[in-house]
Each structure stands twice: as C-alpha cells, then as structure tokens.
Amino acid sequence: MRSILILLGLLLSIAFASATFPYQCGPQNCQFGQVCRIDNGVCNCIPINDCHEVSLSTKVIGTWVDGSRGNKRYTQYDITITNNLNTNIKQIYIATDYTLRLRDHLNTSIWNVNLLSNGILTLPSYQPSINAHASFTFGFILEGTQPANLNVLSVSF
C-alpha cells in the first residue's frame, strides 16, 4: 500500500510539472525552477533563487483534529506575498502541486486568492496589485500537517 501511495505521489508530481512547464513568458518558455519576470512588458526567465523582488512566507495558524470528518488532522496556513521593490507588482502567478490538499473542494477552505482550474494561484480581483514594499496575505486549510509547495511562476511589475 505504501509503495502505491509513493508511486501515486511521483506520478502526480510528474503530471504537475509537465502540465505547468514550460511556462510561457512572452516569446520565451520558462522551465521548471525558473520565474517569468515581466518588467514594463519585457519578459525574462530567471532562476527562482535569483528572484529577490518577491518572496513567499508561510505561517501555521493552527492545527486540529476534526471528529466530524473521521478524526482527520487539518492545518490552517497564512501565506504572505512580499513585494521587495520600489514599484508595484501588477500580477503574480503561484504554482502549486499535489501538496495543496484543501480540506474541501468547494473553495471554502481557501481565501483571499483565486485558485485556477490548473492549480495556479493569482491575486483576487479586489486586490489587483501589491504596492511597493507592501505585502498581501491569503490563507487555506489543508488536510494533514505538511505545508503546500508554492513557487512563483510569474511576476509582473
């Protein structure tokens, strides 16, 4: 059983990577491990580790066992997007994978962010940008205690 679960996890990871990458960045295609950085309409693919303009931080708000859901353990997280530049972020796309195991699939366990059908997260319509040196926080409730893998796919300034 354990080997089947491991195999399933690997297959989901491969499906996620092939479905999301290469990621279109203007006339270029960014590969896994790269961020599409769009500055005044000029697109460049840069390594994730070189993208210091924006950062994501994860904070555990709480963990509990829900007896009404078969004694499953859930964890609530806040994710903060921080703009480290002197200019506004106009748009950001954040990749997720199989680790984004929402408590339910009715979008009631994720807030302040848009979850697209392909698993990519974007800013909500009421928060179309993030001001210079400001931050924006969204949250979700996941099954278990493992945090979701989140990576910036694209950021526009």
N, C-alpha and C. Protein backbone atom coordinates (compact mmCIF):
# COMPACT_ATOMS: atom_id res chain seq x y z
N MET A 1 0.83 -1.20 0.00
CA MET A 1 0.00 0.00 0.00
C MET A 1 0.87 1.25 0.00
N ARG A 2 1.92 1.23 0.85
CA ARG A 2 2.80 2.40 0.94
C ARG A 2 3.48 2.68 -0.40
N SER A 3 3.93 1.63 -1.08
CA SER A 3 4.60 1.84 -2.37
C SER A 3 3.62 2.38 -3.42
N ILE A 4 2.36 2.00 -3.33
CA ILE A 4 1.36 2.53 -4.26
C ILE A 4 1.17 4.03 -4.02
N LEU A 5 1.11 4.43 -2.75
CA LEU A 5 0.97 5.85 -2.43
C LEU A 5 2.18 6.65 -2.90
N ILE A 6 3.37 6.10 -2.72
CA ILE A 6 4.59 6.78 -3.18
C ILE A 6 4.57 6.92 -4.70
N LEU A 7 4.20 5.85 -5.39
CA LEU A 7 4.12 5.89 -6.85
C LEU A 7 3.08 6.91 -7.30
N LEU A 8 1.93 6.95 -6.62
CA LEU A 8 0.90 7.91 -6.96
C LEU A 8 1.41 9.34 -6.79
N GLY A 9 2.13 9.60 -5.69
CA GLY A 9 2.71 10.92 -5.46
C GLY A 9 3.70 11.31 -6.55
N LEU A 10 4.54 10.38 -6.96
CA LEU A 10 5.50 10.65 -8.02
C LEU A 10 4.79 10.94 -9.35
N LEU A 11 3.78 10.16 -9.65
CA LEU A 11 3.04 10.39 -10.89
C LEU A 11 2.33 11.74 -10.89
N LEU A 12 1.77 12.12 -9.74
CA LEU A 12 1.14 13.44 -9.65
C LEU A 12 2.16 14.55 -9.81
N SER A 13 3.35 14.37 -9.24
CA SER A 13 4.41 15.39 -9.40
C SER A 13 4.80 15.54 -10.86
N ILE A 14 4.95 14.42 -11.55
CA ILE A 14 5.32 14.46 -12.96
C ILE A 14 4.20 15.12 -13.77
N ALA A 15 2.96 14.78 -13.47
CA ALA A 15 1.84 15.38 -14.19
C ALA A 15 1.79 16.87 -13.95
N PHE A 16 2.03 17.31 -12.73
CA PHE A 16 2.03 18.73 -12.41
C PHE A 16 3.14 19.44 -13.19
N ALA A 17 4.34 18.89 -13.15
CA ALA A 17 5.48 19.53 -13.82
C ALA A 17 5.25 19.61 -15.33
N SER A 18 4.72 18.55 -15.91
CA SER A 18 4.53 18.58 -17.36
C SER A 18 3.35 19.46 -17.75
N ALA A 19 2.36 19.61 -16.87
CA ALA A 19 1.21 20.44 -17.19
C ALA A 19 1.51 21.92 -17.03
N THR A 20 2.42 22.27 -16.14
CA THR A 20 2.70 23.66 -15.84
C THR A 20 3.93 24.18 -16.59
N PHE A 21 4.88 23.35 -16.88
CA PHE A 21 6.12 23.78 -17.52
C PHE A 21 6.26 23.09 -18.86
N PRO A 22 6.85 23.70 -19.89
CA PRO A 22 7.39 25.05 -19.83
C PRO A 22 6.28 26.08 -19.70
N TYR A 23 6.60 27.17 -19.03
CA TYR A 23 5.64 28.22 -18.75
C TYR A 23 5.90 29.38 -19.69
N GLN A 24 4.86 29.80 -20.42
CA GLN A 24 5.02 30.86 -21.41
C GLN A 24 5.39 32.19 -20.75
N CYS A 25 6.43 32.82 -21.26
CA CYS A 25 6.92 34.11 -20.75
C CYS A 25 7.23 34.98 -21.95
N GLY A 26 6.20 35.67 -22.46
CA GLY A 26 6.41 36.42 -23.70
C GLY A 26 6.78 35.46 -24.80
N PRO A 27 7.84 35.75 -25.55
CA PRO A 27 8.25 34.85 -26.63
C PRO A 27 9.06 33.65 -26.13
N GLN A 28 9.38 33.61 -24.84
CA GLN A 28 10.20 32.55 -24.27
C GLN A 28 9.34 31.54 -23.52
N ASN A 29 9.96 30.42 -23.17
CA ASN A 29 9.33 29.42 -22.30
C ASN A 29 10.23 29.22 -21.09
N CYS A 30 9.70 29.52 -19.91
CA CYS A 30 10.46 29.28 -18.68
C CYS A 30 10.32 27.81 -18.30
N GLN A 31 11.40 27.24 -17.80
CA GLN A 31 11.43 25.84 -17.40
C GLN A 31 11.22 25.72 -15.90
N PHE A 32 11.07 24.49 -15.43
CA PHE A 32 10.94 24.23 -14.01
C PHE A 32 12.15 24.83 -13.29
N GLY A 33 11.91 25.55 -12.20
CA GLY A 33 12.99 26.19 -11.46
C GLY A 33 13.26 27.62 -11.90
N GLN A 34 12.47 28.13 -12.84
CA GLN A 34 12.61 29.50 -13.31
C GLN A 34 11.34 30.29 -13.05
N VAL A 35 11.50 31.60 -12.96
CA VAL A 35 10.40 32.53 -12.79
C VAL A 35 10.34 33.41 -14.03
N CYS A 36 9.13 33.64 -14.53
CA CYS A 36 8.93 34.59 -15.61
C CYS A 36 8.84 35.97 -14.96
N ARG A 37 9.84 36.80 -15.20
CA ARG A 37 9.88 38.15 -14.63
C ARG A 37 9.55 39.13 -15.74
N ILE A 38 8.44 39.87 -15.58
CA ILE A 38 7.99 40.80 -16.61
C ILE A 38 8.10 42.20 -16.04
N ASP A 39 9.05 42.97 -16.56
CA ASP A 39 9.29 44.32 -16.09
C ASP A 39 9.00 45.29 -17.23
N ASN A 40 7.93 46.07 -17.11
CA ASN A 40 7.49 47.00 -18.15
C ASN A 40 7.33 46.32 -19.50
N GLY A 41 6.76 45.12 -19.49
CA GLY A 41 6.48 44.39 -20.71
C GLY A 41 7.62 43.56 -21.25
N VAL A 42 8.81 43.65 -20.65
CA VAL A 42 9.97 42.87 -21.09
C VAL A 42 10.04 41.60 -20.25
N CYS A 43 9.98 40.45 -20.93
CA CYS A 43 9.93 39.15 -20.25
C CYS A 43 11.31 38.50 -20.21
N ASN A 44 11.64 37.96 -19.05
CA ASN A 44 12.88 37.20 -18.88
C ASN A 44 12.61 36.01 -17.96
N CYS A 45 13.21 34.88 -18.28
CA CYS A 45 13.16 33.71 -17.41
C CYS A 45 14.41 33.75 -16.54
N ILE A 46 14.22 33.79 -15.23
CA ILE A 46 15.36 33.83 -14.31
C ILE A 46 15.23 32.69 -13.31
N PRO A 47 16.35 32.18 -12.76
CA PRO A 47 16.28 31.14 -11.75
C PRO A 47 15.49 31.62 -10.53
N ILE A 48 14.70 30.72 -9.94
CA ILE A 48 13.89 31.07 -8.76
C ILE A 48 14.75 31.73 -7.69
N ASN A 49 15.94 31.21 -7.46
CA ASN A 49 16.82 31.75 -6.40
C ASN A 49 17.30 33.16 -6.69
N ASP A 50 17.18 33.61 -7.95
CA ASP A 50 17.59 34.98 -8.31
C ASP A 50 16.42 35.96 -8.31
N CYS A 51 15.24 35.48 -7.96
CA CYS A 51 14.05 36.35 -7.93
C CYS A 51 13.88 36.89 -6.51
N HIS A 52 14.56 38.01 -6.24
CA HIS A 52 14.51 38.62 -4.91
C HIS A 52 13.45 39.72 -4.83
N GLU A 53 12.80 40.00 -5.95
CA GLU A 53 11.80 41.06 -5.98
C GLU A 53 10.55 40.72 -5.18
N VAL A 54 10.26 39.44 -5.10
CA VAL A 54 9.05 38.99 -4.41
C VAL A 54 9.41 37.76 -3.58
N SER A 55 8.78 37.65 -2.40
CA SER A 55 9.02 36.47 -1.57
C SER A 55 7.70 35.96 -1.02
N LEU A 56 7.68 34.65 -0.74
CA LEU A 56 6.53 34.00 -0.14
C LEU A 56 6.93 33.47 1.23
N SER A 57 6.11 33.71 2.23
CA SER A 57 6.37 33.14 3.55
C SER A 57 5.12 32.43 4.04
N THR A 58 5.33 31.34 4.75
CA THR A 58 4.25 30.50 5.24
C THR A 58 4.22 30.55 6.76
N LYS A 59 3.02 30.71 7.31
CA LYS A 59 2.84 30.73 8.77
C LYS A 59 1.72 29.77 9.15
N VAL A 60 2.00 28.89 10.11
CA VAL A 60 0.97 27.99 10.62
C VAL A 60 0.12 28.78 11.61
N ILE A 61 -1.20 28.80 11.37
CA ILE A 61 -2.13 29.48 12.26
C ILE A 61 -2.63 28.52 13.34
N GLY A 62 -2.87 27.28 12.96
CA GLY A 62 -3.34 26.29 13.93
C GLY A 62 -3.51 24.93 13.30
N THR A 63 -3.52 23.89 14.14
CA THR A 63 -3.71 22.51 13.72
C THR A 63 -4.73 21.88 14.66
N TRP A 64 -5.62 21.06 14.12
CA TRP A 64 -6.63 20.42 14.94
C TRP A 64 -7.08 19.11 14.31
N VAL A 65 -7.75 18.29 15.12
CA VAL A 65 -8.37 17.05 14.66
C VAL A 65 -9.87 17.29 14.63
N ASP A 66 -10.49 16.94 13.51
CA ASP A 66 -11.93 17.16 13.33
C ASP A 66 -12.65 15.82 13.45
N GLY A 67 -13.34 15.64 14.57
CA GLY A 67 -14.07 14.40 14.80
C GLY A 67 -15.22 14.20 13.85
N SER A 68 -15.78 15.29 13.32
CA SER A 68 -16.91 15.16 12.39
C SER A 68 -16.45 14.75 10.99
N ARG A 69 -15.14 14.71 10.78
CA ARG A 69 -14.58 14.32 9.48
C ARG A 69 -13.65 13.11 9.62
N GLY A 70 -14.05 12.18 10.46
CA GLY A 70 -13.29 10.94 10.60
C GLY A 70 -11.97 11.12 11.34
N ASN A 71 -11.93 12.07 12.26
CA ASN A 71 -10.72 12.34 13.06
C ASN A 71 -9.51 12.69 12.20
N LYS A 72 -9.75 13.36 11.09
CA LYS A 72 -8.65 13.81 10.24
C LYS A 72 -8.03 15.07 10.86
N ARG A 73 -6.73 15.21 10.64
CA ARG A 73 -6.00 16.39 11.13
C ARG A 73 -5.96 17.44 10.04
N TYR A 74 -6.19 18.70 10.42
CA TYR A 74 -6.17 19.83 9.49
C TYR A 74 -5.25 20.91 10.02
N THR A 75 -4.68 21.68 9.10
CA THR A 75 -3.81 22.79 9.46
C THR A 75 -4.20 24.01 8.65
N GLN A 76 -4.31 25.15 9.34
CA GLN A 76 -4.59 26.41 8.67
C GLN A 76 -3.28 27.17 8.49
N TYR A 77 -3.07 27.70 7.27
CA TYR A 77 -1.87 28.44 6.93
C TYR A 77 -2.22 29.84 6.43
N ASP A 78 -1.37 30.79 6.72
CA ASP A 78 -1.37 32.09 6.07
C ASP A 78 -0.13 32.16 5.20
N ILE A 79 -0.30 32.61 3.97
CA ILE A 79 0.81 32.79 3.03
C ILE A 79 0.91 34.28 2.75
N THR A 80 2.08 34.85 2.96
CA THR A 80 2.29 36.27 2.72
C THR A 80 3.19 36.45 1.51
N ILE A 81 2.69 37.23 0.55
CA ILE A 81 3.48 37.64 -0.62
C ILE A 81 4.05 39.01 -0.29
N THR A 82 5.37 39.15 -0.33
CA THR A 82 6.01 40.42 -0.02
C THR A 82 6.67 40.98 -1.27
N ASN A 83 6.36 42.24 -1.56
CA ASN A 83 6.97 42.96 -2.68
C ASN A 83 8.18 43.70 -2.13
N ASN A 84 9.36 43.34 -2.58
CA ASN A 84 10.61 43.93 -2.09
C ASN A 84 11.13 45.06 -2.97
N LEU A 85 10.34 45.52 -3.92
CA LEU A 85 10.79 46.53 -4.87
C LEU A 85 10.20 47.90 -4.59
N ASN A 86 10.70 48.90 -5.32
CA ASN A 86 10.19 50.27 -5.24
C ASN A 86 9.07 50.51 -6.24
N THR A 87 8.52 49.45 -6.81
CA THR A 87 7.44 49.54 -7.78
C THR A 87 6.37 48.50 -7.45
N ASN A 88 5.17 48.70 -7.93
CA ASN A 88 4.06 47.79 -7.63
C ASN A 88 4.17 46.49 -8.41
N ILE A 89 3.73 45.40 -7.80
CA ILE A 89 3.52 44.15 -8.51
C ILE A 89 2.16 44.26 -9.17
N LYS A 90 2.12 44.09 -10.49
CA LYS A 90 0.86 44.20 -11.22
C LYS A 90 0.11 42.87 -11.24
N GLN A 91 0.84 41.76 -11.25
CA GLN A 91 0.23 40.43 -11.28
C GLN A 91 1.26 39.42 -10.83
N ILE A 92 0.78 38.36 -10.21
CA ILE A 92 1.66 37.27 -9.79
C ILE A 92 0.91 35.96 -9.99
N TYR A 93 1.62 34.94 -10.44
CA TYR A 93 1.08 33.59 -10.58
C TYR A 93 1.94 32.67 -9.73
N ILE A 94 1.28 31.88 -8.90
CA ILE A 94 1.98 30.99 -7.97
C ILE A 94 1.57 29.55 -8.29
N ALA A 95 2.57 28.69 -8.50
CA ALA A 95 2.31 27.28 -8.80
C ALA A 95 2.11 26.49 -7.51
N THR A 96 1.24 25.50 -7.61
CA THR A 96 1.02 24.55 -6.52
C THR A 96 1.20 23.15 -7.09
N ASP A 97 1.11 22.15 -6.22
CA ASP A 97 1.16 20.77 -6.69
C ASP A 97 0.24 19.93 -5.81
N TYR A 98 0.48 18.63 -5.79
CA TYR A 98 -0.39 17.71 -5.06
C TYR A 98 -0.41 17.99 -3.55
N THR A 99 0.54 18.77 -3.04
CA THR A 99 0.57 19.07 -1.60
C THR A 99 -0.48 20.09 -1.19
N LEU A 100 -1.14 20.74 -2.14
CA LEU A 100 -2.24 21.65 -1.82
C LEU A 100 -3.51 20.79 -1.68
N ARG A 101 -3.60 20.11 -0.53
CA ARG A 101 -4.70 19.20 -0.22
C ARG A 101 -5.75 19.96 0.60
N LEU A 102 -6.56 20.73 -0.07
CA LEU A 102 -7.55 21.54 0.62
C LEU A 102 -8.54 20.66 1.40
N ARG A 103 -9.00 21.18 2.54
CA ARG A 103 -9.94 20.45 3.39
C ARG A 103 -11.18 20.04 2.59
N ASP A 104 -11.67 20.92 1.76
CA ASP A 104 -12.79 20.59 0.88
C ASP A 104 -12.54 21.24 -0.47
N HIS A 105 -13.27 20.83 -1.45
CA HIS A 105 -13.03 21.30 -2.81
C HIS A 105 -14.08 22.29 -3.28
N LEU A 106 -14.73 22.95 -2.34
CA LEU A 106 -15.74 23.94 -2.67
C LEU A 106 -15.18 25.36 -2.56
N ASN A 107 -13.87 25.48 -2.47
CA ASN A 107 -13.17 26.75 -2.30
C ASN A 107 -13.56 27.48 -1.02
N THR A 108 -14.11 26.75 -0.05
CA THR A 108 -14.41 27.36 1.24
C THR A 108 -13.23 27.24 2.20
N SER A 109 -12.21 26.50 1.81
CA SER A 109 -11.05 26.35 2.67
C SER A 109 -9.82 27.06 2.08
N ILE A 110 -10.08 28.02 1.19
CA ILE A 110 -9.02 28.88 0.64
C ILE A 110 -9.63 30.27 0.45
N TRP A 111 -8.90 31.31 0.83
CA TRP A 111 -9.47 32.66 0.78
C TRP A 111 -8.42 33.69 0.41
N ASN A 112 -8.90 34.84 -0.07
CA ASN A 112 -8.07 35.99 -0.49
C ASN A 112 -7.14 35.68 -1.66
N VAL A 113 -7.46 34.67 -2.45
CA VAL A 113 -6.67 34.32 -3.62
C VAL A 113 -7.57 33.56 -4.59
N ASN A 114 -7.28 33.67 -5.88
CA ASN A 114 -8.01 32.89 -6.89
C ASN A 114 -7.26 31.59 -7.15
N LEU A 115 -7.98 30.49 -7.10
CA LEU A 115 -7.43 29.18 -7.45
C LEU A 115 -7.96 28.82 -8.82
N LEU A 116 -7.08 28.83 -9.82
CA LEU A 116 -7.48 28.50 -11.19
C LEU A 116 -7.63 26.99 -11.33
N SER A 117 -8.30 26.55 -12.39
CA SER A 117 -8.56 25.12 -12.59
C SER A 117 -7.27 24.31 -12.76
N ASN A 118 -6.19 24.95 -13.19
CA ASN A 118 -4.92 24.25 -13.36
C ASN A 118 -4.07 24.26 -12.08
N GLY A 119 -4.64 24.76 -10.98
CA GLY A 119 -3.93 24.76 -9.70
C GLY A 119 -3.09 25.99 -9.45
N ILE A 120 -3.07 26.92 -10.38
CA ILE A 120 -2.27 28.14 -10.22
C ILE A 120 -3.06 29.15 -9.40
N LEU A 121 -2.37 29.85 -8.49
CA LEU A 121 -2.98 30.87 -7.65
C LEU A 121 -2.66 32.25 -8.21
N THR A 122 -3.66 33.15 -8.19
CA THR A 122 -3.48 34.53 -8.65
C THR A 122 -4.13 35.48 -7.65
N LEU A 123 -3.78 36.75 -7.77
CA LEU A 123 -4.41 37.75 -6.92
C LEU A 123 -5.90 37.84 -7.22
N PRO A 124 -6.72 38.09 -6.19
CA PRO A 124 -8.15 38.25 -6.43
C PRO A 124 -8.46 39.59 -7.10
N SER A 125 -9.64 39.71 -7.69
CA SER A 125 -10.00 40.92 -8.42
C SER A 125 -10.02 42.16 -7.52
N TYR A 126 -10.33 41.99 -6.25
CA TYR A 126 -10.36 43.14 -5.34
C TYR A 126 -8.97 43.54 -4.86
N GLN A 127 -7.93 42.80 -5.25
CA GLN A 127 -6.54 43.13 -4.91
C GLN A 127 -5.71 42.97 -6.18
N PRO A 128 -5.87 43.89 -7.15
CA PRO A 128 -5.23 43.70 -8.46
C PRO A 128 -3.73 43.92 -8.47
N SER A 129 -3.15 44.45 -7.39
CA SER A 129 -1.71 44.66 -7.35
C SER A 129 -1.24 44.66 -5.90
N ILE A 130 0.09 44.62 -5.74
CA ILE A 130 0.70 44.73 -4.41
C ILE A 130 1.65 45.91 -4.47
N ASN A 131 1.40 46.91 -3.66
CA ASN A 131 2.19 48.13 -3.68
C ASN A 131 3.66 47.87 -3.35
N ALA A 132 4.50 48.82 -3.74
CA ALA A 132 5.94 48.74 -3.45
C ALA A 132 6.15 48.58 -1.95
N HIS A 133 7.03 47.67 -1.57
CA HIS A 133 7.40 47.40 -0.18
C HIS A 133 6.20 47.04 0.70
N ALA A 134 5.15 46.49 0.09
CA ALA A 134 3.97 46.07 0.84
C ALA A 134 3.84 44.55 0.74
N SER A 135 2.85 44.02 1.44
CA SER A 135 2.61 42.58 1.37
C SER A 135 1.11 42.32 1.30
N PHE A 136 0.78 41.10 0.91
CA PHE A 136 -0.60 40.66 0.81
C PHE A 136 -0.66 39.24 1.34
N THR A 137 -1.67 38.94 2.14
CA THR A 137 -1.77 37.62 2.77
C THR A 137 -3.04 36.91 2.32
N PHE A 138 -2.89 35.63 2.00
CA PHE A 138 -4.03 34.76 1.73
C PHE A 138 -3.88 33.52 2.59
N GLY A 139 -4.91 32.71 2.63
CA GLY A 139 -4.84 31.55 3.51
C GLY A 139 -5.61 30.35 2.98
N PHE A 140 -5.37 29.21 3.64
CA PHE A 140 -6.09 27.99 3.31
C PHE A 140 -5.99 27.01 4.46
N ILE A 141 -6.87 26.02 4.41
CA ILE A 141 -6.86 24.92 5.37
C ILE A 141 -6.56 23.65 4.58
N LEU A 142 -5.51 22.95 5.01
CA LEU A 142 -5.08 21.72 4.34
C LEU A 142 -5.34 20.51 5.22
N GLU A 143 -5.54 19.38 4.57
CA GLU A 143 -5.61 18.12 5.29
C GLU A 143 -4.18 17.73 5.66
N GLY A 144 -3.96 17.37 6.91
CA GLY A 144 -2.64 16.97 7.39
C GLY A 144 -1.85 18.16 7.91
N THR A 145 -0.55 17.92 8.10
CA THR A 145 0.32 18.96 8.64
C THR A 145 1.44 19.37 7.70
N GLN A 146 1.49 18.76 6.52
CA GLN A 146 2.52 19.11 5.54
C GLN A 146 2.10 20.39 4.81
N PRO A 147 2.96 21.43 4.83
CA PRO A 147 2.62 22.65 4.09
C PRO A 147 2.63 22.41 2.59
N ALA A 148 1.90 23.23 1.87
CA ALA A 148 1.83 23.12 0.41
C ALA A 148 3.13 23.65 -0.22
N ASN A 149 3.55 23.02 -1.29
CA ASN A 149 4.67 23.53 -2.09
C ASN A 149 4.14 24.66 -2.95
N LEU A 150 4.68 25.84 -2.77
CA LEU A 150 4.28 27.02 -3.55
C LEU A 150 5.52 27.64 -4.17
N ASN A 151 5.44 27.97 -5.46
CA ASN A 151 6.54 28.59 -6.16
C ASN A 151 6.01 29.69 -7.07
N VAL A 152 6.71 30.82 -7.11
CA VAL A 152 6.33 31.90 -8.00
C VAL A 152 6.63 31.45 -9.44
N LEU A 153 5.59 31.46 -10.28
CA LEU A 153 5.76 31.15 -11.70
C LEU A 153 6.09 32.40 -12.50
N SER A 154 5.33 33.46 -12.19
CA SER A 154 5.45 34.68 -12.99
C SER A 154 5.11 35.87 -12.11
N VAL A 155 5.86 36.96 -12.31
CA VAL A 155 5.58 38.20 -11.60
C VAL A 155 5.75 39.35 -12.58
N SER A 156 4.76 40.26 -12.58
CA SER A 156 4.79 41.42 -13.48
C SER A 156 4.88 42.70 -12.65
N PHE A 157 5.77 43.60 -13.12
CA PHE A 157 5.96 44.88 -12.46
C PHE A 157 5.55 46.00 -13.39
